[in-house]
Amino acid sequence: MKFLKVLAVCITILAITAVAMAGTLDDVKKKGFIKIGVNGSVFGFSMPDDKGVWKGLDVDTGRAISAAIFGDPDKVEFVPLTGVQRLPALQSGEIDVLCRNTTQTLTRDTKAGLNFAHVNYYDGQGFLVPKKLGIKSAKELDGATVCVLPGTTTEMNAADYFRSNNMKWKPVVIENTAELNAAFFAGRCDCLTSDASQLAATRTIAPNPADYELLPEIISKEPLAPVVRHGDDQWYDVVNWTVMAMIQAEEFGITSHNVDKMLKSNNPGIKRFLGVTPGMGTQLGLNDKWAYNIVKMVGNYGEIFDRNIGPKTPLALQRGLNALWTKGGLMYAAPVR
C-alpha cells in the first residue's frame, strides 16, 4: 500500500514536470490564447457582469498578461474554479495560470509544486456578521456557526484562531462560493469568514448590504498572487514581471491616458520600460512593447485598483497596504533594467 502511494506521488510529480517542461509561453503563443483560472463569483476581483463580460482586479491581471504576450488583452479564456479545484487544475495543465485570490504559503510553494508571482493584492482574513446579532468583536464568536470554504487557508486560519482563543466553533463547509454566500444570507451560519476584500465584495451582493458589518479583527496575512507551475522559469518571469510592470507604471506616473506622451520622456528608466530603448522585452521572450501594451490596454496598478475595488466602486476599498511603497504601502516593483 505504501509503495502504491509513493508511486502515485511520483506519477503526479512527473506529470507536473512534463507540463512545465513543455514551455507554457510557447504553448500559449501557439494556441493563441491563455487559459486563466479565476474565482468567478467575487465581485471586484473576478466575476462576469450581467452581459457575461468578465471584470475584476484578477481578471485585469490576466488581461495584462495577454497584452504583454499578444499585444491584445482579450486573448484569454477564463475558467471559473472553486477553492478545491484551483490547484489541481493548474498542476495538471488544465489552465496556464491561476489569477484567483490565492494565498502564497510554504506548502503550496513546495509540496504542491507551484510558484507565486508578485503579489497583486495584500489581504487578511476577517469576519462578516449580521448587525442584528449585536456582535462587535470576533472574540464574541464562541460557539458560533461559521460559513467557510474548504480547501483554503481560510479554513485553517479560522480553526487556529478559535483554538488559540479557547473558543468553540461549528464550521459550515460549502465548496462553491456563491452557494456559501447564499447559505450565510439565508441565516444558516452566524458569520462568514474569508479574506476581508472578499467579504466586502460579498456584502455588496447581499439582499440588504446595510444589514451586515465587518468585525474589526484581521486574523491573518493573505498575500494574494498569480500562480504558475514549478519548472517553467520563462513563464514565471512573464507573469511575475507583468504584475510588476503595472506597479512600476504607477510609480513612474504612466497611465493608459498619458503612455503615448511618455514615449517621449528623457528618463532612461521610462525609455527602457516602454521599449523606446530596446532589450527588456526580448529577455522575457516578448516584444519590447510588452510593458507599453500592458499600460495602454489595461492600465497601471492604481487604475486597475480604482476601477474594480477602489473608493468610487461599491466595494469602496482604500489602498492601505496596496498603496505604493512611496505612499506607505507594500507595492514595490523590482527595477526594469
Protein backbone atom coordinates (compact mmCIF):
# COMPACT_ATOMS: atom_id res chain seq x y z
CA MET A 1 0.00 0.00 0.00
CA LYS A 2 2.83 2.34 0.89
CA PHE A 3 4.52 1.53 -2.42
CA LEU A 4 1.35 2.44 -4.34
CA LYS A 5 1.13 5.78 -2.53
CA VAL A 6 4.76 6.57 -3.35
CA LEU A 7 4.18 5.52 -6.96
CA ALA A 8 1.13 7.81 -7.21
CA VAL A 9 3.14 10.75 -5.87
CA CYS A 10 5.94 10.06 -8.36
CA ILE A 11 3.49 9.88 -11.26
CA THR A 12 1.93 13.20 -10.20
CA ILE A 13 5.35 14.86 -9.98
CA LEU A 14 6.34 13.53 -13.40
CA ALA A 15 3.08 14.78 -14.90
CA ILE A 16 3.58 18.24 -13.42
CA THR A 17 7.20 18.31 -14.63
CA ALA A 18 6.20 17.23 -18.14
CA VAL A 19 3.64 20.03 -18.39
CA ALA A 20 6.15 22.58 -17.14
CA MET A 21 8.98 21.38 -19.39
CA ALA A 22 6.75 21.80 -22.43
CA GLY A 23 7.22 25.58 -22.18
CA THR A 24 3.98 27.34 -21.33
CA LEU A 25 4.85 30.57 -23.14
CA ASP A 26 5.48 28.70 -26.39
CA ASP A 27 2.27 26.69 -25.92
CA VAL A 28 0.26 29.83 -25.24
CA LYS A 29 1.66 31.56 -28.32
CA LYS A 30 0.93 28.51 -30.45
CA LYS A 31 -2.71 28.16 -29.40
CA GLY A 32 -3.23 31.94 -29.47
CA PHE A 33 -4.79 32.49 -26.04
CA ILE A 34 -4.24 31.99 -22.30
CA LYS A 35 -6.39 29.75 -20.12
CA ILE A 36 -6.74 31.62 -16.85
CA GLY A 37 -8.19 30.10 -13.68
CA VAL A 38 -10.36 32.58 -11.75
CA ASN A 39 -12.87 32.56 -8.92
CA GLY A 40 -15.93 33.51 -10.88
CA SER A 41 -18.10 34.83 -8.08
CA VAL A 42 -16.15 37.56 -6.25
CA PHE A 43 -17.39 40.99 -7.28
CA GLY A 44 -14.50 43.37 -7.93
CA PHE A 45 -11.95 40.59 -8.40
CA SER A 46 -13.28 38.02 -10.87
CA MET A 47 -16.90 37.81 -11.88
CA PRO A 48 -18.87 38.16 -15.13
CA ASP A 49 -21.31 41.05 -15.29
CA ASP A 50 -24.95 40.73 -16.40
CA LYS A 51 -23.76 40.69 -20.03
CA GLY A 52 -21.27 37.92 -19.41
CA VAL A 53 -18.23 40.20 -19.56
CA TRP A 54 -15.55 39.20 -17.06
CA LYS A 55 -14.43 42.03 -14.77
CA GLY A 56 -12.27 42.49 -11.70
CA LEU A 57 -8.76 43.05 -10.42
CA ASP A 58 -7.75 39.42 -11.00
CA VAL A 59 -9.40 39.46 -14.42
CA ASP A 60 -7.42 42.57 -15.37
CA THR A 61 -4.24 40.87 -14.16
CA GLY A 62 -4.96 38.07 -16.62
CA ARG A 63 -5.77 40.56 -19.37
CA ALA A 64 -2.46 42.31 -18.69
CA ILE A 65 -0.57 39.04 -19.24
CA SER A 66 -2.39 38.69 -22.55
CA ALA A 67 -1.50 42.26 -23.53
CA ALA A 68 2.17 41.61 -22.72
CA ILE A 69 2.28 38.47 -24.86
CA PHE A 70 -0.08 39.20 -27.74
CA GLY A 71 -0.46 42.99 -27.77
CA ASP A 72 -4.14 42.22 -27.18
CA PRO A 73 -5.76 41.97 -23.72
CA ASP A 74 -8.58 39.74 -24.91
CA LYS A 75 -6.67 36.62 -25.96
CA VAL A 76 -7.94 34.91 -22.82
CA GLU A 77 -10.28 32.17 -21.70
CA PHE A 78 -11.43 32.47 -18.10
CA VAL A 79 -12.07 29.21 -16.27
CA PRO A 80 -14.06 29.55 -13.01
CA LEU A 81 -12.69 27.25 -10.30
CA THR A 82 -13.60 26.51 -6.69
CA GLY A 83 -11.05 26.56 -3.89
CA VAL A 84 -10.76 22.78 -4.10
CA GLN A 85 -10.43 22.69 -7.89
CA ARG A 86 -7.96 25.53 -8.45
CA LEU A 87 -4.58 23.98 -7.57
CA PRO A 88 -5.18 20.60 -9.26
CA ALA A 89 -6.34 22.45 -12.40
CA LEU A 90 -3.03 24.31 -12.52
CA GLN A 91 -0.91 21.29 -11.61
CA SER A 92 -2.48 19.17 -14.35
CA GLY A 93 -2.10 21.82 -17.06
CA GLU A 94 -5.84 22.39 -17.43
CA ILE A 95 -5.07 26.11 -17.07
CA ASP A 96 -1.93 28.12 -17.85
CA VAL A 97 -2.03 30.46 -14.87
CA LEU A 98 -4.18 30.95 -11.80
CA CYS A 99 -5.36 34.53 -11.16
CA ARG A 100 -7.72 33.77 -8.32
CA ASN A 101 -7.41 35.21 -4.79
CA THR A 102 -4.91 32.51 -3.81
CA THR A 103 -2.60 32.94 -0.81
CA GLN A 104 1.08 32.15 -1.06
CA THR A 105 2.10 29.59 1.56
CA LEU A 106 5.15 27.40 2.16
CA THR A 107 3.20 24.20 1.43
CA ARG A 108 1.89 25.50 -1.88
CA ASP A 109 5.34 26.75 -2.84
CA THR A 110 6.92 23.36 -2.12
CA LYS A 111 4.73 20.27 -1.76
CA ALA A 112 2.16 21.49 -4.29
CA GLY A 113 4.84 22.31 -6.86
CA LEU A 114 3.76 25.89 -7.51
CA ASN A 115 5.41 29.29 -7.93
CA PHE A 116 3.73 32.53 -6.87
CA ALA A 117 4.37 35.66 -8.87
CA HIS A 118 4.48 39.15 -7.36
CA VAL A 119 1.56 39.89 -5.03
CA ASN A 120 -1.30 41.73 -6.74
CA TYR A 121 -3.31 42.22 -3.54
CA TYR A 122 -2.28 42.20 0.13
CA ASP A 123 -5.18 40.98 2.24
CA GLY A 124 -6.08 39.49 5.60
CA GLN A 125 -8.86 37.27 6.90
CA GLY A 126 -11.86 38.76 8.68
CA PHE A 127 -15.44 38.03 9.71
CA LEU A 128 -18.74 39.28 8.31
CA VAL A 129 -21.80 39.16 10.60
CA PRO A 130 -25.43 40.28 10.54
CA LYS A 131 -25.82 43.51 12.54
CA LYS A 132 -28.89 42.09 14.27
CA LEU A 133 -26.67 39.72 16.26
CA GLY A 134 -25.11 42.68 18.04
CA ILE A 135 -21.60 41.19 17.78
CA LYS A 136 -18.82 43.79 17.83
CA SER A 137 -15.72 41.60 18.09
CA ALA A 138 -14.56 38.21 16.83
CA LYS A 139 -13.86 37.36 20.48
CA GLU A 140 -17.64 37.15 20.90
CA LEU A 141 -17.98 34.30 18.39
CA ASP A 142 -17.55 31.46 20.90
CA GLY A 143 -19.91 28.65 19.85
CA ALA A 144 -20.82 30.36 16.57
CA THR A 145 -21.63 28.58 13.33
CA VAL A 146 -19.22 29.83 10.68
CA CYS A 147 -19.60 29.61 6.91
CA VAL A 148 -16.21 28.80 5.33
CA LEU A 149 -14.81 27.48 2.05
CA PRO A 150 -12.97 24.14 2.16
CA GLY A 151 -9.51 23.65 0.69
CA THR A 152 -8.45 27.17 1.64
CA THR A 153 -6.09 28.87 4.06
CA THR A 154 -9.28 30.46 5.41
CA GLU A 155 -10.47 27.20 6.92
CA MET A 156 -7.14 26.56 8.65
CA ASN A 157 -6.82 30.15 9.87
CA ALA A 158 -10.30 30.05 11.41
CA ALA A 159 -9.56 26.77 13.18
CA ASP A 160 -6.29 28.20 14.53
CA TYR A 161 -7.99 31.41 15.67
CA PHE A 162 -10.77 29.70 17.59
CA ARG A 163 -8.37 27.19 19.14
CA SER A 164 -5.82 29.81 20.21
CA ASN A 165 -8.58 31.86 21.83
CA ASN A 166 -10.11 28.83 23.61
CA MET A 167 -13.36 29.20 21.70
CA LYS A 168 -15.56 26.61 20.03
CA TRP A 169 -17.00 26.93 16.54
CA LYS A 170 -19.19 24.94 14.19
CA PRO A 171 -17.96 25.19 10.59
CA VAL A 172 -20.49 25.09 7.77
CA VAL A 173 -18.37 23.98 4.83
CA ILE A 174 -19.62 24.55 1.26
CA GLU A 175 -17.26 24.33 -1.73
CA ASN A 176 -18.98 26.78 -4.10
CA THR A 177 -18.54 30.45 -3.19
CA ALA A 178 -21.97 31.55 -4.45
CA GLU A 179 -23.69 28.73 -2.55
CA LEU A 180 -21.72 29.54 0.60
CA ASN A 181 -22.77 33.19 0.40
CA ALA A 182 -26.39 32.18 -0.13
CA ALA A 183 -26.24 29.95 2.94
CA PHE A 184 -24.91 32.84 5.01
CA PHE A 185 -27.56 35.27 3.80
CA ALA A 186 -30.22 32.62 4.49
CA GLY A 187 -29.13 32.50 8.14
CA ARG A 188 -27.52 29.05 8.15
CA CYS A 189 -24.50 30.46 9.97
CA ASP A 190 -23.78 33.26 12.40
CA CYS A 191 -20.88 34.64 10.41
CA LEU A 192 -18.95 34.28 7.18
CA THR A 193 -15.16 34.23 7.24
CA SER A 194 -12.84 34.89 4.30
CA ASP A 195 -10.34 37.46 3.06
CA ALA A 196 -11.55 40.92 4.08
CA SER A 197 -11.70 42.06 0.45
CA GLN A 198 -13.87 39.08 -0.46
CA LEU A 199 -16.17 39.80 2.49
CA ALA A 200 -16.53 43.40 1.30
CA ALA A 201 -17.41 42.07 -2.14
CA THR A 202 -19.90 39.61 -0.65
CA ARG A 203 -21.63 42.33 1.31
CA THR A 204 -22.29 44.30 -1.89
CA ILE A 205 -24.42 41.44 -3.26
CA ALA A 206 -26.41 40.92 -0.04
CA PRO A 207 -30.20 41.42 -0.23
CA ASN A 208 -29.63 44.45 2.00
CA PRO A 209 -25.90 45.27 2.40
CA ALA A 210 -26.61 47.64 5.31
CA ASP A 211 -27.70 44.64 7.40
CA TYR A 212 -24.14 43.30 7.60
CA GLU A 213 -20.85 44.53 9.03
CA LEU A 214 -17.21 43.51 9.09
CA LEU A 215 -15.77 42.86 12.53
CA PRO A 216 -12.57 44.82 13.32
CA GLU A 217 -10.22 41.84 13.70
CA ILE A 218 -7.92 40.76 10.88
CA ILE A 219 -6.57 37.36 11.89
CA SER A 220 -4.05 36.53 9.18
CA LYS A 221 -1.71 37.66 6.42
CA GLU A 222 -3.02 36.80 2.95
CA PRO A 223 -0.61 37.78 0.15
CA LEU A 224 -2.66 37.03 -2.96
CA ALA A 225 -0.81 36.49 -6.23
CA PRO A 226 -0.99 34.82 -9.63
CA VAL A 227 0.29 31.23 -9.59
CA VAL A 228 2.18 29.09 -12.11
CA ARG A 229 3.75 25.64 -12.07
CA HIS A 230 7.27 24.84 -10.88
CA GLY A 231 9.87 24.20 -13.54
CA ASP A 232 8.92 26.78 -16.17
CA ASP A 233 11.06 29.79 -15.38
CA GLN A 234 10.33 31.75 -18.56
CA TRP A 235 6.57 31.58 -17.99
CA TYR A 236 7.05 32.56 -14.35
CA ASP A 237 9.13 35.55 -15.46
CA VAL A 238 6.39 36.73 -17.86
CA VAL A 239 3.64 36.51 -15.24
CA ASN A 240 5.79 37.95 -12.46
CA TRP A 241 7.02 40.93 -14.50
CA THR A 242 3.53 41.64 -15.81
CA VAL A 243 2.36 42.35 -12.26
CA MET A 244 5.47 44.38 -11.50
CA ALA A 245 5.07 46.34 -14.74
CA MET A 246 1.65 47.58 -13.60
CA ILE A 247 3.15 48.68 -10.29
CA GLN A 248 6.20 50.28 -11.92
CA ALA A 249 4.00 52.18 -14.35
CA GLU A 250 2.10 53.75 -11.47
CA GLU A 251 5.36 54.67 -9.78
CA PHE A 252 6.59 56.31 -12.99
CA GLY A 253 3.29 58.18 -13.29
CA ILE A 254 2.50 56.40 -16.56
CA THR A 255 -1.21 55.80 -17.18
CA SER A 256 -3.31 54.43 -20.01
CA HIS A 257 -4.10 58.05 -20.88
CA ASN A 258 -0.59 59.51 -21.00
CA VAL A 259 1.50 56.49 -22.05
CA ASP A 260 1.91 57.72 -25.64
CA LYS A 261 3.15 61.08 -24.42
CA MET A 262 5.56 59.31 -22.04
CA LEU A 263 7.24 57.64 -25.02
CA LYS A 264 9.00 60.99 -25.48
CA SER A 265 10.36 61.03 -21.92
CA ASN A 266 14.08 61.62 -21.42
CA ASN A 267 14.09 59.38 -18.31
CA PRO A 268 16.32 56.38 -19.16
CA GLY A 269 14.24 54.11 -16.91
CA ILE A 270 10.99 55.06 -18.64
CA LYS A 271 12.61 54.62 -22.06
CA ARG A 272 13.70 51.07 -21.16
CA PHE A 273 10.32 50.32 -19.60
CA LEU A 274 8.28 51.43 -22.62
CA GLY A 275 10.60 49.83 -25.16
CA VAL A 276 11.94 53.05 -26.64
CA THR A 277 15.33 51.68 -25.62
CA PRO A 278 15.15 48.05 -26.82
CA GLY A 279 16.15 44.90 -24.97
CA MET A 280 13.89 44.36 -21.97
CA GLY A 281 11.10 42.55 -23.79
CA THR A 282 13.36 40.21 -25.69
CA GLN A 283 14.82 38.98 -22.41
CA LEU A 284 11.32 37.82 -21.48
CA GLY A 285 10.65 36.27 -24.88
CA LEU A 286 8.27 39.13 -25.69
CA ASN A 287 8.08 42.20 -27.90
CA ASP A 288 9.89 45.22 -26.46
CA LYS A 289 6.49 46.98 -26.33
CA TRP A 290 5.25 44.44 -23.73
CA ALA A 291 5.01 46.96 -20.85
CA TYR A 292 3.66 49.71 -23.12
CA ASN A 293 0.89 47.35 -24.23
CA ILE A 294 0.01 46.45 -20.63
CA VAL A 295 -0.40 50.09 -19.62
CA LYS A 296 -2.06 51.25 -22.85
CA MET A 297 -4.58 48.40 -22.99
CA VAL A 298 -5.22 47.59 -19.31
CA GLY A 299 -3.71 50.35 -17.17
CA ASN A 300 -1.28 50.76 -14.29
CA TYR A 301 -1.93 49.14 -10.92
CA GLY A 302 -3.64 52.20 -9.49
CA GLU A 303 -6.04 52.41 -12.43
CA ILE A 304 -6.91 48.73 -12.13
CA PHE A 305 -7.43 49.02 -8.37
CA ASP A 306 -9.60 52.13 -8.63
CA ARG A 307 -11.94 50.91 -11.34
CA ASN A 308 -12.55 47.50 -9.78
CA ILE A 309 -12.45 47.86 -5.99
CA GLY A 310 -11.48 51.45 -5.17
CA PRO A 311 -13.27 54.18 -3.19
CA LYS A 312 -15.67 55.04 -6.05
CA THR A 313 -16.84 51.42 -6.52
CA PRO A 314 -19.46 49.55 -4.46
CA LEU A 315 -16.62 47.88 -2.52
CA ALA A 316 -15.16 51.29 -1.57
CA LEU A 317 -11.79 49.80 -0.55
CA GLN A 318 -8.91 52.09 0.35
CA ARG A 319 -5.42 51.37 -0.95
CA GLY A 320 -3.97 50.67 2.52
CA LEU A 321 -1.24 48.01 2.23
CA ASN A 322 -1.80 48.04 -1.52
CA ALA A 323 -0.57 51.60 -1.90
CA LEU A 324 2.82 52.20 -3.50
CA TRP A 325 5.82 51.90 -1.19
CA THR A 326 6.37 55.62 -1.73
CA LYS A 327 2.96 56.24 -0.14
CA GLY A 328 3.20 53.96 2.87
CA GLY A 329 2.08 50.73 1.20
CA LEU A 330 3.78 47.48 0.20
CA MET A 331 3.53 47.71 -3.59
CA TYR A 332 7.11 47.76 -4.80
CA ALA A 333 8.44 46.62 -8.17
CA ALA A 334 11.98 45.49 -8.96
CA PRO A 335 13.85 47.70 -11.46
CA VAL A 336 13.33 47.12 -15.17
CA ARG A 337 16.96 47.16 -16.21
